[in-house]
Amino acid sequence: MTEIRTPRLVLRRWHDDDLFPMAEINADPRVMHWIGDGSVLDPDATAEAIERWEEEWDEEGFGIFAVELLGSGELAGAVGLSVPEYLPEVLPAVEISWRLGQQFWGQGYASEAAHATLEFALQDRGLDRVVSIERMGNEASENVTRKLGMEPERETTHPEFGHSLQIHAIDLTQYQA
């Protein structure tokens, strides 16, 4: 089982008891505002998402981690790697993304988890390049990409929802652990 420990977090595969806390995170309109079409997800849709994330682990050798606070064991959200099939113009690519509950914002958890995930991608999984795809105007996510050393690559439009996207990227030659 793949697990990464940082000073304050455990990044791990999903457990059955993660469904309820992740469903609460996905039901928060402020959390979901920048994700997909901005709609909240119900518990069934959250269960489907976790199932897809776990399948990607099995198929690709990487996926979306559950993010757990090391001290309390509380689920803070999700961070990880996926293939952005919804945006064919960037393929082949692996995307890094993060989603934390609102009560965990502004404490550096997203950056800490994303940094550990990027290191996992480039050093452990041998990926040569990772992208981040953010909706334009999502300053919090853009701050995380900057902290990761990712550079703006281009702008595009979401093929399904029509909003503007910013693509950031980093490759192994640019990465500094």
C-alpha atoms as a PDB file:
ATOM      1  CA  MET A   1       0.000   0.000   0.000  1.00  0.00           C
ATOM      2  CA  THR A   2       1.318   3.422  -0.969  1.00  0.00           C
ATOM      3  CA  GLU A   3       1.587   5.912   1.863  1.00  0.00           C
ATOM      4  CA  ILE A   4       3.495   9.178   2.192  1.00  0.00           C
ATOM      5  CA  ARG A   5       4.120  10.953   5.479  1.00  0.00           C
ATOM      6  CA  THR A   6       4.908  14.640   5.705  1.00  0.00           C
ATOM      7  CA  PRO A   7       5.515  16.571   8.924  1.00  0.00           C
ATOM      8  CA  ARG A   8       1.751  17.035   9.452  1.00  0.00           C
ATOM      9  CA  LEU A   9      -0.028  14.723   7.022  1.00  0.00           C
ATOM     10  CA  VAL A  10      -0.468  11.154   5.856  1.00  0.00           C
ATOM     11  CA  LEU A  11      -1.251  10.679   2.168  1.00  0.00           C
ATOM     12  CA  ARG A  12      -2.755   7.233   1.712  1.00  0.00           C
ATOM     13  CA  ARG A  13      -5.196   5.082  -0.222  1.00  0.00           C
ATOM     14  CA  TRP A  14      -8.898   5.364   0.562  1.00  0.00           C
ATOM     15  CA  HIS A  15     -10.713   3.545   3.399  1.00  0.00           C
ATOM     16  CA  ASP A  16     -14.441   2.850   3.655  1.00  0.00           C
ATOM     17  CA  ASP A  17     -14.785   5.270   6.570  1.00  0.00           C
ATOM     18  CA  ASP A  18     -13.459   8.135   4.386  1.00  0.00           C
ATOM     19  CA  LEU A  19     -16.721   8.338   2.434  1.00  0.00           C
ATOM     20  CA  PHE A  20     -18.711  10.424   4.924  1.00  0.00           C
ATOM     21  CA  PRO A  21     -16.028  13.083   5.603  1.00  0.00           C
ATOM     22  CA  MET A  22     -15.179  13.356   1.878  1.00  0.00           C
ATOM     23  CA  ALA A  23     -18.883  13.635   1.037  1.00  0.00           C
ATOM     24  CA  GLU A  24     -19.114  16.534   3.507  1.00  0.00           C
ATOM     25  CA  ILE A  25     -16.189  18.253   1.767  1.00  0.00           C
ATOM     26  CA  ASN A  26     -17.772  17.673  -1.663  1.00  0.00           C
ATOM     27  CA  ALA A  27     -21.125  19.048  -0.420  1.00  0.00           C
ATOM     28  CA  ASP A  28     -19.583  22.440   0.415  1.00  0.00           C
ATOM     29  CA  PRO A  29     -20.304  24.991  -2.350  1.00  0.00           C
ATOM     30  CA  ARG A  30     -17.172  26.999  -1.459  1.00  0.00           C
ATOM     31  CA  VAL A  31     -14.958  23.925  -1.881  1.00  0.00           C
ATOM     32  CA  MET A  32     -16.571  22.888  -5.157  1.00  0.00           C
ATOM     33  CA  HIS A  33     -16.802  26.387  -6.673  1.00  0.00           C
ATOM     34  CA  TRP A  34     -13.630  25.956  -8.779  1.00  0.00           C
ATOM     35  CA  ILE A  35     -14.054  22.232  -9.563  1.00  0.00           C
ATOM     36  CA  GLY A  36     -15.793  20.947 -12.690  1.00  0.00           C
ATOM     37  CA  ASP A  37     -18.953  22.972 -13.269  1.00  0.00           C
ATOM     38  CA  GLY A  38     -18.972  24.158  -9.648  1.00  0.00           C
ATOM     39  CA  SER A  39     -21.716  21.788  -8.527  1.00  0.00           C
ATOM     40  CA  VAL A  40     -21.572  20.061  -5.166  1.00  0.00           C
ATOM     41  CA  LEU A  41     -21.486  16.269  -5.063  1.00  0.00           C
ATOM     42  CA  ASP A  42     -23.835  14.065  -3.064  1.00  0.00           C
ATOM     43  CA  PRO A  43     -22.613  10.978  -1.163  1.00  0.00           C
ATOM     44  CA  ASP A  44     -23.331   8.672  -4.125  1.00  0.00           C
ATOM     45  CA  ALA A  45     -21.270  10.838  -6.496  1.00  0.00           C
ATOM     46  CA  THR A  46     -18.502  11.022  -3.885  1.00  0.00           C
ATOM     47  CA  ALA A  47     -18.492   7.209  -3.602  1.00  0.00           C
ATOM     48  CA  GLU A  48     -18.225   6.970  -7.398  1.00  0.00           C
ATOM     49  CA  ALA A  49     -15.326   9.445  -7.412  1.00  0.00           C
ATOM     50  CA  ILE A  50     -13.429   7.512  -4.741  1.00  0.00           C
ATOM     51  CA  GLU A  51     -14.031   4.301  -6.696  1.00  0.00           C
ATOM     52  CA  ARG A  52     -12.628   5.933  -9.874  1.00  0.00           C
ATOM     53  CA  TRP A  53      -9.618   7.218  -7.924  1.00  0.00           C
ATOM     54  CA  GLU A  54      -8.924   3.736  -6.574  1.00  0.00           C
ATOM     55  CA  GLU A  55      -9.286   2.206 -10.051  1.00  0.00           C
ATOM     56  CA  GLU A  56      -6.722   4.685 -11.382  1.00  0.00           C
ATOM     57  CA  TRP A  57      -4.305   3.536  -8.665  1.00  0.00           C
ATOM     58  CA  ASP A  58      -4.738  -0.033  -9.881  1.00  0.00           C
ATOM     59  CA  GLU A  59      -4.442   0.854 -13.576  1.00  0.00           C
ATOM     60  CA  GLU A  60      -1.775   3.590 -13.553  1.00  0.00           C
ATOM     61  CA  GLY A  61       0.236   3.032 -10.376  1.00  0.00           C
ATOM     62  CA  PHE A  62      -0.743   6.488  -9.148  1.00  0.00           C
ATOM     63  CA  GLY A  63      -3.949   8.221  -8.165  1.00  0.00           C
ATOM     64  CA  ILE A  64      -5.689  10.514  -5.736  1.00  0.00           C
ATOM     65  CA  PHE A  65      -4.604  10.158  -2.113  1.00  0.00           C
ATOM     66  CA  ALA A  66      -6.779  10.605   0.936  1.00  0.00           C
ATOM     67  CA  VAL A  67      -5.169  13.381   3.021  1.00  0.00           C
ATOM     68  CA  GLU A  68      -5.254  12.667   6.740  1.00  0.00           C
ATOM     69  CA  LEU A  69      -4.017  14.907   9.542  1.00  0.00           C
ATOM     70  CA  LEU A  70      -1.172  13.083  11.241  1.00  0.00           C
ATOM     71  CA  GLY A  71      -2.076  14.225  14.748  1.00  0.00           C
ATOM     72  CA  SER A  72      -5.830  13.615  14.780  1.00  0.00           C
ATOM     73  CA  GLY A  73      -6.431  11.128  11.954  1.00  0.00           C
ATOM     74  CA  GLU A  74      -9.075  13.509  10.566  1.00  0.00           C
ATOM     75  CA  LEU A  75      -9.652  13.421   6.793  1.00  0.00           C
ATOM     76  CA  ALA A  76      -8.681  16.829   5.389  1.00  0.00           C
ATOM     77  CA  GLY A  77      -9.423  16.071   1.736  1.00  0.00           C
ATOM     78  CA  ALA A  78      -7.766  14.675  -1.355  1.00  0.00           C
ATOM     79  CA  VAL A  79      -4.605  15.328  -3.340  1.00  0.00           C
ATOM     80  CA  GLY A  80      -3.011  13.327  -6.082  1.00  0.00           C
ATOM     81  CA  LEU A  81      -2.368  12.461  -9.666  1.00  0.00           C
ATOM     82  CA  SER A  82      -4.712  11.626 -12.513  1.00  0.00           C
ATOM     83  CA  VAL A  83      -4.821  11.543 -16.288  1.00  0.00           C
ATOM     84  CA  PRO A  84      -6.849  14.608 -17.410  1.00  0.00           C
ATOM     85  CA  GLU A  85      -8.870  12.819 -20.068  1.00  0.00           C
ATOM     86  CA  TYR A  86     -11.442  15.641 -20.037  1.00  0.00           C
ATOM     87  CA  LEU A  87      -8.806  17.883 -21.705  1.00  0.00           C
ATOM     88  CA  PRO A  88      -7.407  15.890 -24.660  1.00  0.00           C
ATOM     89  CA  GLU A  89      -5.248  18.779 -25.880  1.00  0.00           C
ATOM     90  CA  VAL A  90      -2.809  18.323 -22.964  1.00  0.00           C
ATOM     91  CA  LEU A  91      -2.489  14.543 -23.343  1.00  0.00           C
ATOM     92  CA  PRO A  92      -0.377  12.634 -22.764  1.00  0.00           C
ATOM     93  CA  ALA A  93      -0.138  14.233 -19.339  1.00  0.00           C
ATOM     94  CA  VAL A  94      -0.538  13.565 -15.656  1.00  0.00           C
ATOM     95  CA  GLU A  95      -2.312  16.223 -13.600  1.00  0.00           C
ATOM     96  CA  ILE A  96      -1.730  17.054  -9.955  1.00  0.00           C
ATOM     97  CA  SER A  97      -4.774  18.330  -8.074  1.00  0.00           C
ATOM     98  CA  TRP A  98      -5.973  19.005  -4.544  1.00  0.00           C
ATOM     99  CA  ARG A  99      -9.250  19.497  -2.699  1.00  0.00           C
ATOM    100  CA  LEU A 100      -9.372  20.213   1.015  1.00  0.00           C
ATOM    101  CA  GLY A 101     -12.227  20.904   3.389  1.00  0.00           C
ATOM    102  CA  GLN A 102     -12.743  24.600   4.058  1.00  0.00           C
ATOM    103  CA  GLN A 103     -11.646  24.294   7.700  1.00  0.00           C
ATOM    104  CA  PHE A 104      -8.199  23.212   6.444  1.00  0.00           C
ATOM    105  CA  TRP A 105      -7.639  26.176   4.123  1.00  0.00           C
ATOM    106  CA  GLY A 106      -4.930  28.737   4.783  1.00  0.00           C
ATOM    107  CA  GLN A 107      -2.750  26.431   6.876  1.00  0.00           C
ATOM    108  CA  GLY A 108      -0.331  25.225   4.214  1.00  0.00           C
ATOM    109  CA  TYR A 109      -1.799  21.714   4.030  1.00  0.00           C
ATOM    110  CA  ALA A 110      -2.517  21.886   0.282  1.00  0.00           C
ATOM    111  CA  SER A 111       1.046  22.973  -0.486  1.00  0.00           C
ATOM    112  CA  GLU A 112       2.529  20.373   1.861  1.00  0.00           C
ATOM    113  CA  ALA A 113       0.459  17.546   0.362  1.00  0.00           C
ATOM    114  CA  ALA A 114       0.978  18.733  -3.220  1.00  0.00           C
ATOM    115  CA  HIS A 115       4.753  19.005  -2.749  1.00  0.00           C
ATOM    116  CA  ALA A 116       4.921  15.432  -1.415  1.00  0.00           C
ATOM    117  CA  THR A 117       2.733  14.254  -4.305  1.00  0.00           C
ATOM    118  CA  LEU A 118       4.888  16.013  -6.903  1.00  0.00           C
ATOM    119  CA  GLU A 119       8.011  14.430  -5.410  1.00  0.00           C
ATOM    120  CA  PHE A 120       6.240  11.040  -5.530  1.00  0.00           C
ATOM    121  CA  ALA A 121       5.337  11.612  -9.202  1.00  0.00           C
ATOM    122  CA  LEU A 122       8.758  12.689 -10.404  1.00  0.00           C
ATOM    123  CA  GLN A 123      11.034  10.618  -8.188  1.00  0.00           C
ATOM    124  CA  ASP A 124       9.075   7.509  -7.177  1.00  0.00           C
ATOM    125  CA  ARG A 125       6.854   6.991 -10.237  1.00  0.00           C
ATOM    126  CA  GLY A 126       9.408   8.228 -12.753  1.00  0.00           C
ATOM    127  CA  LEU A 127       7.147  10.706 -14.511  1.00  0.00           C
ATOM    128  CA  ASP A 128       9.001  13.265 -16.634  1.00  0.00           C
ATOM    129  CA  ARG A 129       6.353  15.989 -16.444  1.00  0.00           C
ATOM    130  CA  VAL A 130       3.327  16.973 -14.360  1.00  0.00           C
ATOM    131  CA  VAL A 131       0.675  19.576 -15.134  1.00  0.00           C
ATOM    132  CA  SER A 132      -1.778  21.496 -13.001  1.00  0.00           C
ATOM    133  CA  ILE A 133      -5.031  22.685 -14.534  1.00  0.00           C
ATOM    134  CA  GLU A 134      -6.830  25.497 -12.731  1.00  0.00           C
ATOM    135  CA  ARG A 135      -9.853  27.525 -13.543  1.00  0.00           C
ATOM    136  CA  MET A 136      -8.816  31.141 -14.213  1.00  0.00           C
ATOM    137  CA  GLY A 137      -9.270  33.266 -11.116  1.00  0.00           C
ATOM    138  CA  ASN A 138      -8.607  30.475  -8.619  1.00  0.00           C
ATOM    139  CA  GLU A 139      -5.857  32.368  -6.830  1.00  0.00           C
ATOM    140  CA  ALA A 140      -5.472  29.846  -4.001  1.00  0.00           C
ATOM    141  CA  SER A 141      -4.656  27.047  -6.442  1.00  0.00           C
ATOM    142  CA  GLU A 142      -2.386  29.309  -8.476  1.00  0.00           C
ATOM    143  CA  ASN A 143      -0.460  30.056  -5.257  1.00  0.00           C
ATOM    144  CA  VAL A 144       0.044  26.331  -4.664  1.00  0.00           C
ATOM    145  CA  THR A 145       1.315  25.813  -8.237  1.00  0.00           C
ATOM    146  CA  ARG A 146       3.811  28.645  -7.776  1.00  0.00           C
ATOM    147  CA  LYS A 147       5.044  27.107  -4.507  1.00  0.00           C
ATOM    148  CA  LEU A 148       5.571  23.846  -6.405  1.00  0.00           C
ATOM    149  CA  GLY A 149       7.769  25.637  -8.951  1.00  0.00           C
ATOM    150  CA  MET A 150       5.284  25.051 -11.765  1.00  0.00           C
ATOM    151  CA  GLU A 151       5.369  27.533 -14.634  1.00  0.00           C
ATOM    152  CA  PRO A 152       2.384  28.856 -16.602  1.00  0.00           C
ATOM    153  CA  GLU A 153       2.283  27.035 -19.919  1.00  0.00           C
ATOM    154  CA  ARG A 154      -0.880  28.191 -21.654  1.00  0.00           C
ATOM    155  CA  GLU A 155      -4.523  29.105 -21.364  1.00  0.00           C
ATOM    156  CA  THR A 156      -7.396  27.147 -22.830  1.00  0.00           C
ATOM    157  CA  THR A 157     -11.130  26.616 -22.435  1.00  0.00           C
ATOM    158  CA  HIS A 158     -12.810  23.730 -20.651  1.00  0.00           C
ATOM    159  CA  PRO A 159     -14.356  21.656 -23.467  1.00  0.00           C
ATOM    160  CA  GLU A 160     -17.522  20.831 -21.522  1.00  0.00           C
ATOM    161  CA  PHE A 161     -18.134  23.802 -19.219  1.00  0.00           C
ATOM    162  CA  GLY A 162     -16.665  26.632 -21.312  1.00  0.00           C
ATOM    163  CA  HIS A 163     -14.704  28.387 -18.583  1.00  0.00           C
ATOM    164  CA  SER A 164     -11.119  29.554 -19.001  1.00  0.00           C
ATOM    165  CA  LEU A 165      -8.354  27.309 -17.717  1.00  0.00           C
ATOM    166  CA  GLN A 166      -4.696  27.964 -16.928  1.00  0.00           C
ATOM    167  CA  ILE A 167      -2.250  25.116 -17.512  1.00  0.00           C
ATOM    168  CA  HIS A 168       0.906  25.065 -15.369  1.00  0.00           C
ATOM    169  CA  ALA A 169       3.656  22.491 -15.818  1.00  0.00           C
ATOM    170  CA  ILE A 170       6.913  21.288 -14.370  1.00  0.00           C
ATOM    171  CA  ASP A 171       9.304  18.698 -15.690  1.00  0.00           C
ATOM    172  CA  LEU A 172      11.976  16.670 -14.022  1.00  0.00           C
ATOM    173  CA  THR A 173      14.740  19.063 -15.143  1.00  0.00           C
ATOM    174  CA  GLN A 174      12.981  22.008 -13.416  1.00  0.00           C
ATOM    175  CA  TYR A 175      12.079  20.168 -10.235  1.00  0.00           C
ATOM    176  CA  GLN A 176      13.976  20.855  -7.026  1.00  0.00           C
ATOM    177  CA  ALA A 177      13.106  18.547  -4.126  1.00  0.00           C
END
